[in-house]
């Protein structure tokens, strides 16, 4: 009760104060809230660790059924649990978190040879990339580079992109999510000096920028190309409300992806693309700071929120704010603060008994497939903790 009261009071202070701030400096009360949230997140993950079999990875927690979904190392989400553990270890220096992350990465390492998925950036860089950042290791570097080679094997010169989903030979499928996996390729160039990884990442980003975005700067989820000619065959929004709608998490993947493209290349066109996506998204951000699962979802406001889209967006905006002009950066930063405050409130931040050890409540996985609706999601946790860490670093500068 004391915890909930504290968070409610801090949230009220932050949201009422956010619009009055002209300084770029982090809000002191939100910095306090971020520290408290990291403490709670650590407590949750120590509990989550105790619930997992040694070779399994957490995927989602359904509070209605009080059941946890787990997986082996092969799905796209497998790197988020060790990655989140590493962020929390960085925040708290709790050795138990670090040891659990290393145990899970032993199980995960074999996926460096997996050439059947485009998601190796999620899987291997969120985990081994963070591990190498915290404790540089030739073994971690080898995993990163081998994983990048596996990812690069899916690149088509003709299409100018990395294949996302495998399908029939006459189709070459690319989803907006794939922008997130390019960070792995940039890391491989940095570690080896081999520019081919860099060139693949830039080519993929350029192709996606040309074909994935509508005139209003929202994006389709999926673009299908002709593998023989590179011509676009079809555009869809598979996990959204309709092909013409803006699926919230897809918009956040694009925002984050072009922000990291600017970080890696310093090419202004990527910064401008990130700003256009951000401005579109901010027009669709509800007043309470958490997106609906699709910006044009039927039934708004009586439909589901997606904490994962909010968390990804928050982390991206904190970074993007540092690259843009000061006035624009302030707008992005204050929006990130608003989202972070909302996610750090009892409405979204779970106690261990509420979500089986997961951190955030109210995520939406795949609504059209009726999969993971209004549940805790492991990738929501990862990007929320990343956002907290990014915000804390700004607070300490």
Protein backbone atom coordinates (compact mmCIF):
# COMPACT_ATOMS: atom_id res chain seq x y z
CA UNK A 1 0.00 0.00 0.00
CA UNK A 2 2.85 2.35 0.89
CA UNK A 3 4.54 1.56 -2.45
CA UNK A 4 1.37 2.29 -4.42
CA UNK A 5 0.74 5.56 -2.57
CA UNK A 6 4.31 6.75 -3.19
CA UNK A 7 4.09 5.97 -6.89
CA UNK A 8 0.69 7.66 -7.22
CA UNK A 9 1.93 10.85 -5.58
CA UNK A 10 5.09 10.94 -7.69
CA UNK A 11 3.15 10.25 -10.89
CA UNK A 12 0.72 13.08 -10.18
CA UNK A 13 3.61 15.48 -9.55
CA UNK A 14 5.45 14.47 -12.72
CA UNK A 15 2.49 14.60 -15.09
CA UNK A 16 1.29 17.96 -13.78
CA UNK A 17 4.80 19.42 -13.95
CA UNK A 18 5.87 17.98 -17.32
CA UNK A 19 4.34 20.68 -19.50
CA UNK A 20 5.87 23.49 -17.43
CA UNK A 21 9.46 22.39 -17.89
CA UNK A 22 11.62 24.38 -20.27
CA UNK A 23 14.91 22.84 -19.20
CA UNK A 24 16.31 19.72 -20.87
CA UNK A 25 17.42 18.45 -17.48
CA UNK A 26 15.67 15.28 -16.19
CA UNK A 27 12.91 15.83 -13.68
CA UNK A 28 14.17 15.15 -10.16
CA UNK A 29 11.00 13.44 -8.98
CA UNK A 30 10.98 11.15 -12.02
CA UNK A 31 14.62 10.29 -11.39
CA UNK A 32 13.56 9.16 -7.91
CA UNK A 33 10.71 7.18 -9.41
CA UNK A 34 13.07 5.59 -11.96
CA UNK A 35 15.39 4.42 -9.17
CA UNK A 36 12.42 2.96 -7.26
CA UNK A 37 11.21 1.23 -10.41
CA UNK A 38 14.61 -0.37 -10.99
CA UNK A 39 14.57 -1.64 -7.42
CA UNK A 40 11.14 -3.18 -7.91
CA UNK A 41 12.13 -4.61 -11.30
CA UNK A 42 15.12 -6.31 -9.68
CA UNK A 43 12.90 -7.84 -7.02
CA UNK A 44 10.55 -9.08 -9.72
CA UNK A 45 13.30 -10.69 -11.77
CA UNK A 46 14.82 -12.44 -8.80
CA UNK A 47 11.38 -13.98 -8.28
CA UNK A 48 10.99 -14.73 -12.00
CA UNK A 49 14.34 -16.50 -11.97
CA UNK A 50 13.10 -18.84 -9.26
CA UNK A 51 10.11 -19.85 -11.41
CA UNK A 52 12.04 -20.85 -14.55
CA UNK A 53 13.43 -24.26 -15.49
CA UNK A 54 17.15 -24.06 -16.34
CA UNK A 55 16.77 -24.35 -20.11
CA UNK A 56 13.63 -22.23 -20.58
CA UNK A 57 13.12 -18.55 -21.39
CA UNK A 58 10.16 -16.43 -20.23
CA UNK A 59 7.86 -15.11 -22.95
CA UNK A 60 4.64 -13.83 -21.36
CA UNK A 61 2.53 -13.97 -18.22
CA UNK A 62 -1.25 -14.11 -18.35
CA UNK A 63 -2.66 -12.63 -15.12
CA UNK A 64 -6.19 -13.86 -15.82
CA UNK A 65 -5.04 -17.49 -15.97
CA UNK A 66 -2.01 -16.96 -13.73
CA UNK A 67 0.12 -18.86 -16.22
CA UNK A 68 3.56 -18.21 -17.66
CA UNK A 69 4.47 -18.93 -21.27
CA UNK A 70 8.07 -20.06 -21.77
CA UNK A 71 10.17 -21.13 -24.74
CA UNK A 72 13.45 -22.67 -25.76
CA UNK A 73 16.26 -20.57 -27.21
CA UNK A 74 14.95 -20.48 -30.79
CA UNK A 75 12.17 -17.80 -30.76
CA UNK A 76 12.81 -14.13 -31.42
CA UNK A 77 12.23 -13.21 -27.78
CA UNK A 78 14.93 -15.41 -26.23
CA UNK A 79 17.55 -12.66 -25.85
CA UNK A 80 15.37 -10.26 -23.89
CA UNK A 81 15.45 -12.10 -20.56
CA UNK A 82 19.27 -12.25 -20.27
CA UNK A 83 19.45 -8.74 -21.68
CA UNK A 84 17.11 -7.39 -19.02
CA UNK A 85 19.03 -9.24 -16.32
CA UNK A 86 22.22 -7.57 -17.51
CA UNK A 87 20.68 -4.11 -17.42
CA UNK A 88 19.40 -4.77 -13.89
CA UNK A 89 22.81 -6.07 -12.85
CA UNK A 90 24.35 -2.89 -14.23
CA UNK A 91 21.89 -0.87 -12.13
CA UNK A 92 22.19 -2.82 -8.89
CA UNK A 93 25.39 -4.91 -9.01
CA UNK A 94 23.35 -7.86 -7.76
CA UNK A 95 25.56 -10.82 -8.68
CA UNK A 96 22.63 -13.24 -8.77
CA UNK A 97 21.24 -11.40 -11.79
CA UNK A 98 24.57 -11.61 -13.60
CA UNK A 99 24.98 -15.30 -12.94
CA UNK A 100 21.46 -16.03 -14.18
CA UNK A 101 22.12 -14.05 -17.37
CA UNK A 102 25.30 -16.04 -18.03
CA UNK A 103 23.50 -19.34 -17.44
CA UNK A 104 20.82 -18.44 -19.96
CA UNK A 105 23.37 -17.27 -22.52
CA UNK A 106 25.01 -20.69 -22.38
CA UNK A 107 21.68 -22.13 -23.56
CA UNK A 108 21.22 -19.33 -26.11
CA UNK A 109 24.68 -19.39 -27.69
CA UNK A 110 23.93 -22.12 -30.24
CA UNK A 111 21.51 -19.76 -32.01
CA UNK A 112 24.50 -17.90 -33.45
CA UNK A 113 24.40 -20.48 -36.23
CA UNK A 114 20.67 -20.04 -36.87
CA UNK A 115 20.17 -18.88 -40.46
CA UNK A 116 16.42 -19.45 -40.46
CA UNK A 117 15.55 -16.21 -38.66
CA UNK A 118 16.04 -12.47 -39.15
CA UNK A 119 15.73 -11.89 -35.40
CA UNK A 120 19.33 -12.55 -34.42
CA UNK A 121 19.78 -8.93 -33.40
CA UNK A 122 17.04 -9.27 -30.81
CA UNK A 123 18.28 -12.69 -29.76
CA UNK A 124 22.05 -12.26 -29.71
CA UNK A 125 22.81 -8.55 -29.46
CA UNK A 126 20.35 -7.72 -26.65
CA UNK A 127 22.06 -10.53 -24.72
CA UNK A 128 25.68 -11.00 -25.80
CA UNK A 129 26.01 -7.38 -26.94
CA UNK A 130 25.09 -6.13 -23.48
CA UNK A 131 27.31 -8.78 -21.89
CA UNK A 132 30.31 -7.66 -23.94
CA UNK A 133 29.58 -4.03 -23.13
CA UNK A 134 29.68 -4.79 -19.40
CA UNK A 135 32.63 -7.21 -19.47
CA UNK A 136 34.48 -7.31 -22.78
CA UNK A 137 35.24 -10.86 -23.85
CA UNK A 138 36.62 -12.47 -26.98
CA UNK A 139 34.05 -15.23 -26.52
CA UNK A 140 31.18 -12.72 -26.56
CA UNK A 141 32.66 -10.98 -29.60
CA UNK A 142 32.84 -14.29 -31.46
CA UNK A 143 29.15 -14.92 -30.79
CA UNK A 144 28.24 -11.44 -32.04
CA UNK A 145 30.25 -11.78 -35.26
CA UNK A 146 29.08 -15.33 -35.99
CA UNK A 147 25.48 -14.25 -35.40
CA UNK A 148 25.96 -11.31 -37.78
CA UNK A 149 27.26 -13.68 -40.47
CA UNK A 150 24.17 -15.83 -40.03
CA UNK A 151 21.93 -12.78 -40.32
CA UNK A 152 23.80 -11.50 -43.37
CA UNK A 153 23.13 -14.81 -45.14
CA UNK A 154 19.50 -13.72 -45.47
CA UNK A 155 20.35 -10.56 -47.42
CA UNK A 156 19.32 -10.24 -51.07
CA UNK A 157 21.23 -7.89 -53.37
CA UNK A 158 18.31 -7.92 -55.79
CA UNK A 159 15.74 -6.82 -53.20
CA UNK A 160 18.18 -4.75 -51.17
CA UNK A 161 16.93 -6.16 -47.88
CA UNK A 162 17.25 -8.95 -45.35
CA UNK A 163 14.52 -11.58 -45.63
CA UNK A 164 12.30 -11.60 -42.56
CA UNK A 165 9.77 -14.44 -42.71
CA UNK A 166 10.48 -17.49 -44.80
CA UNK A 167 7.71 -18.18 -47.31
CA UNK A 168 7.20 -19.63 -50.76
CA UNK A 169 10.05 -18.98 -53.22
CA UNK A 170 8.06 -16.40 -55.19
CA UNK A 171 7.82 -14.06 -52.17
CA UNK A 172 10.48 -12.14 -50.24
CA UNK A 173 8.93 -10.91 -46.99
CA UNK A 174 10.31 -7.97 -45.00
CA UNK A 175 8.77 -6.65 -41.78
CA UNK A 176 9.42 -3.32 -40.08
CA UNK A 177 10.68 -5.20 -37.00
CA UNK A 178 13.79 -6.12 -38.98
CA UNK A 179 15.14 -2.59 -38.53
CA UNK A 180 15.96 -3.57 -34.96
CA UNK A 181 18.34 -6.33 -36.04
CA UNK A 182 20.66 -4.00 -37.92
CA UNK A 183 22.47 -3.02 -34.72
CA UNK A 184 24.04 -6.50 -34.73
CA UNK A 185 25.53 -5.84 -38.17
CA UNK A 186 27.02 -2.52 -37.14
CA UNK A 187 28.59 -4.24 -34.13
CA UNK A 188 30.17 -6.85 -36.40
CA UNK A 189 31.76 -4.15 -38.58
CA UNK A 190 33.05 -2.42 -35.47
CA UNK A 191 34.55 -5.65 -34.14
CA UNK A 192 36.05 -6.97 -37.38
CA UNK A 193 36.58 -3.97 -39.65
CA UNK A 194 34.58 -5.79 -42.33
CA UNK A 195 32.42 -3.13 -44.00
CA UNK A 196 30.14 -5.65 -45.71
CA UNK A 197 27.97 -5.86 -42.57
CA UNK A 198 27.67 -2.06 -42.51
CA UNK A 199 26.71 -1.95 -46.18
CA UNK A 200 23.98 -4.56 -45.71
CA UNK A 201 22.51 -2.61 -42.80
CA UNK A 202 22.47 0.66 -44.73
CA UNK A 203 21.00 -0.95 -47.86
CA UNK A 204 18.24 -2.61 -45.85
CA UNK A 205 17.41 0.64 -44.06
CA UNK A 206 17.25 2.52 -47.35
CA UNK A 207 14.96 -0.05 -48.97
CA UNK A 208 12.70 -0.03 -45.93
CA UNK A 209 12.58 3.77 -45.88
CA UNK A 210 11.56 3.80 -49.54
CA UNK A 211 8.79 1.20 -49.41
CA UNK A 212 7.54 0.71 -45.84
CA UNK A 213 6.20 4.18 -45.06
CA UNK A 214 2.98 5.94 -46.02
CA UNK A 215 2.80 9.67 -46.84
CA UNK A 216 1.81 10.43 -43.21
CA UNK A 217 5.00 8.61 -42.05
CA UNK A 218 3.16 5.67 -40.50
CA UNK A 219 4.38 2.28 -41.63
CA UNK A 220 3.03 -0.97 -42.94
CA UNK A 221 4.06 -4.02 -40.99
CA UNK A 222 4.97 -6.23 -43.97
CA UNK A 223 6.17 -5.53 -47.50
CA UNK A 224 6.38 -8.47 -49.90
CA UNK A 225 8.89 -8.18 -52.73
CA UNK A 226 9.49 -10.21 -55.87
CA UNK A 227 12.80 -11.97 -55.14
CA UNK A 228 13.71 -12.06 -58.83
CA UNK A 229 13.21 -8.36 -59.58
CA UNK A 230 12.98 -6.58 -56.21
CA UNK A 231 9.58 -5.12 -57.20
CA UNK A 232 7.00 -4.63 -54.46
CA UNK A 233 4.17 -7.17 -54.69
CA UNK A 234 2.04 -6.29 -51.66
CA UNK A 235 1.91 -4.24 -48.46
CA UNK A 236 0.13 -5.44 -45.31
CA UNK A 237 -0.24 -4.81 -41.59
CA UNK A 238 -0.40 -8.39 -40.35
CA UNK A 239 -0.44 -7.75 -36.60
CA UNK A 240 -2.50 -4.56 -36.77
CA UNK A 241 -6.18 -3.80 -37.03
CA UNK A 242 -6.14 -3.47 -40.84
CA UNK A 243 -3.68 -3.14 -43.70
CA UNK A 244 -4.34 0.60 -43.69
CA UNK A 245 -3.83 1.04 -39.94
CA UNK A 246 -0.77 1.85 -37.84
CA UNK A 247 0.09 -1.08 -35.58
CA UNK A 248 1.59 0.55 -32.49
CA UNK A 249 4.58 -1.70 -31.93
CA UNK A 250 5.45 -1.53 -35.62
CA UNK A 251 5.65 2.25 -35.40
CA UNK A 252 7.94 1.96 -32.39
CA UNK A 253 10.24 -0.50 -34.20
CA UNK A 254 10.59 2.03 -37.00
CA UNK A 255 11.30 4.91 -34.61
CA UNK A 256 13.91 2.97 -32.69
CA UNK A 257 15.42 1.51 -35.86
CA UNK A 258 16.04 4.82 -37.61
CA UNK A 259 17.34 6.37 -34.41
CA UNK A 260 19.96 3.64 -34.17
CA UNK A 261 20.69 4.10 -37.88
CA UNK A 262 21.57 7.73 -37.23
CA UNK A 263 23.71 6.77 -34.24
CA UNK A 264 25.64 4.25 -36.34
CA UNK A 265 26.08 6.31 -39.53
CA UNK A 266 25.43 9.97 -38.68
CA UNK A 267 23.60 10.23 -42.01
CA UNK A 268 21.08 13.03 -41.65
CA UNK A 269 18.37 11.28 -43.68
CA UNK A 270 18.00 8.73 -40.91
CA UNK A 271 17.64 11.42 -38.26
CA UNK A 272 14.98 13.13 -40.37
CA UNK A 273 13.17 9.82 -40.83
CA UNK A 274 13.20 9.17 -37.09
CA UNK A 275 11.82 12.65 -36.43
CA UNK A 276 9.00 12.16 -38.96
CA UNK A 277 8.03 8.86 -37.34
CA UNK A 278 8.23 10.39 -33.86
CA UNK A 279 6.03 13.33 -34.81
CA UNK A 280 3.42 11.00 -36.29
CA UNK A 281 3.44 8.85 -33.15
CA UNK A 282 3.17 11.80 -30.78
CA UNK A 283 -0.04 12.83 -32.52
CA UNK A 284 -1.49 9.47 -31.51
CA UNK A 285 -0.22 9.28 -27.93
CA UNK A 286 -3.15 9.20 -25.48
CA UNK A 287 -3.12 11.77 -22.72
CA UNK A 288 -2.19 9.15 -20.13
CA UNK A 289 1.02 8.25 -22.00
CA UNK A 290 0.45 4.66 -23.21
CA UNK A 291 -0.48 3.75 -26.80
CA UNK A 292 -3.47 1.72 -27.87
CA UNK A 293 -2.33 -1.49 -29.56
CA UNK A 294 -3.17 0.02 -32.95
CA UNK A 295 -3.58 3.75 -33.59
CA UNK A 296 -6.77 3.09 -35.57
CA UNK A 297 -8.01 0.14 -33.52
CA UNK A 298 -11.78 -0.28 -33.47
CA UNK A 299 -13.38 0.61 -30.15
CA UNK A 300 -10.91 3.27 -28.97
CA UNK A 301 -10.89 4.17 -26.08
CA UNK A 302 -12.40 0.85 -25.01
CA UNK A 303 -9.64 -1.37 -26.32
CA UNK A 304 -6.28 -2.65 -25.17
CA UNK A 305 -3.16 -0.63 -24.48
CA UNK A 306 0.26 -1.94 -25.44
CA UNK A 307 2.89 -1.27 -22.81
CA UNK A 308 5.54 -2.80 -25.08
CA UNK A 309 5.01 -0.16 -27.79
CA UNK A 310 5.16 2.55 -25.12
CA UNK A 311 8.38 1.18 -23.62
CA UNK A 312 10.16 0.87 -26.99
CA UNK A 313 9.07 4.38 -27.94
CA UNK A 314 10.18 5.80 -24.60
CA UNK A 315 13.67 4.34 -24.91
CA UNK A 316 14.00 5.55 -28.50
CA UNK A 317 12.80 9.09 -27.69
CA UNK A 318 15.32 9.47 -24.87
CA UNK A 319 18.10 8.71 -27.35
CA UNK A 320 16.60 10.68 -30.24
CA UNK A 321 16.23 13.77 -28.05
CA UNK A 322 20.00 13.98 -27.84
CA UNK A 323 20.44 14.17 -31.62
CA UNK A 324 17.84 16.73 -32.68
CA UNK A 325 17.63 20.49 -32.42
CA UNK A 326 17.19 21.65 -28.83
CA UNK A 327 13.52 22.61 -29.06
CA UNK A 328 12.59 19.37 -30.80
CA UNK A 329 14.75 17.38 -28.43
CA UNK A 330 13.03 18.92 -25.44
CA UNK A 331 9.64 17.91 -26.86
CA UNK A 332 10.79 14.32 -27.36
CA UNK A 333 12.43 14.15 -23.95
CA UNK A 334 9.37 15.47 -22.12
CA UNK A 335 7.20 12.98 -24.00
CA UNK A 336 9.55 10.19 -22.95
CA UNK A 337 9.22 11.37 -19.36
CA UNK A 338 5.45 11.25 -19.64
CA UNK A 339 5.53 7.70 -20.97
CA UNK A 340 8.08 6.60 -18.38
CA UNK A 341 5.99 8.03 -15.56
CA UNK A 342 2.89 6.24 -16.83
CA UNK A 343 4.68 2.89 -17.16
CA UNK A 344 6.18 3.37 -13.69
CA UNK A 345 2.76 3.81 -12.10
CA UNK A 346 0.85 0.96 -10.41
CA UNK A 347 -1.43 0.83 -13.46
CA UNK A 348 1.41 -0.73 -15.49
CA UNK A 349 4.29 -1.60 -13.15
CA UNK A 350 3.63 -4.99 -11.57
CA UNK A 351 4.55 -6.34 -8.18
CA UNK A 352 5.93 -9.92 -8.23
CA UNK A 353 2.61 -11.49 -7.26
CA UNK A 354 0.71 -9.64 -10.01
CA UNK A 355 2.70 -10.84 -13.01
CA UNK A 356 4.73 -13.86 -11.99
CA UNK A 357 7.92 -11.81 -11.80
CA UNK A 358 7.50 -9.89 -15.06
CA UNK A 359 7.81 -6.12 -14.73
CA UNK A 360 5.13 -4.49 -16.89
CA UNK A 361 1.46 -5.32 -17.24
CA UNK A 362 -0.91 -4.73 -20.19
CA UNK A 363 0.97 -5.70 -23.32
CA UNK A 364 -0.49 -6.93 -26.60
CA UNK A 365 1.38 -9.49 -28.66
CA UNK A 366 -0.63 -10.36 -31.77
CA UNK A 367 -4.26 -9.24 -31.58
CA UNK A 368 -5.41 -10.61 -34.98
CA UNK A 369 -4.08 -14.04 -33.99
CA UNK A 370 -5.61 -13.67 -30.51
CA UNK A 371 -2.19 -14.34 -29.01
CA UNK A 372 -0.86 -12.71 -25.81
CA UNK A 373 -3.63 -10.18 -25.23
CA UNK A 374 -3.42 -7.93 -22.17
CA UNK A 375 -0.46 -9.80 -20.70
CA UNK A 376 3.06 -9.14 -19.51
CA UNK A 377 5.62 -9.45 -22.32
CA UNK A 378 9.33 -10.07 -21.98
CA UNK A 379 10.26 -7.51 -24.63
CA UNK A 380 8.19 -4.85 -22.89
CA UNK A 381 10.30 -5.48 -19.79
CA UNK A 382 13.56 -5.19 -21.74
CA UNK A 383 12.84 -1.84 -23.36
CA UNK A 384 11.29 -0.42 -20.19
CA UNK A 385 14.41 -1.23 -18.18
CA UNK A 386 16.56 0.11 -21.01
CA UNK A 387 14.54 3.34 -20.91
CA UNK A 388 15.02 3.56 -17.14
CA UNK A 389 18.77 3.08 -17.56
CA UNK A 390 18.99 5.67 -20.31
CA UNK A 391 17.01 8.13 -18.22
CA UNK A 392 19.15 7.49 -15.16
CA UNK A 393 22.32 8.08 -17.16
CA UNK A 394 20.97 11.46 -18.23
CA UNK A 395 20.10 12.22 -14.61
CA UNK A 396 23.63 11.45 -13.51
CA UNK A 397 25.33 13.54 -16.21
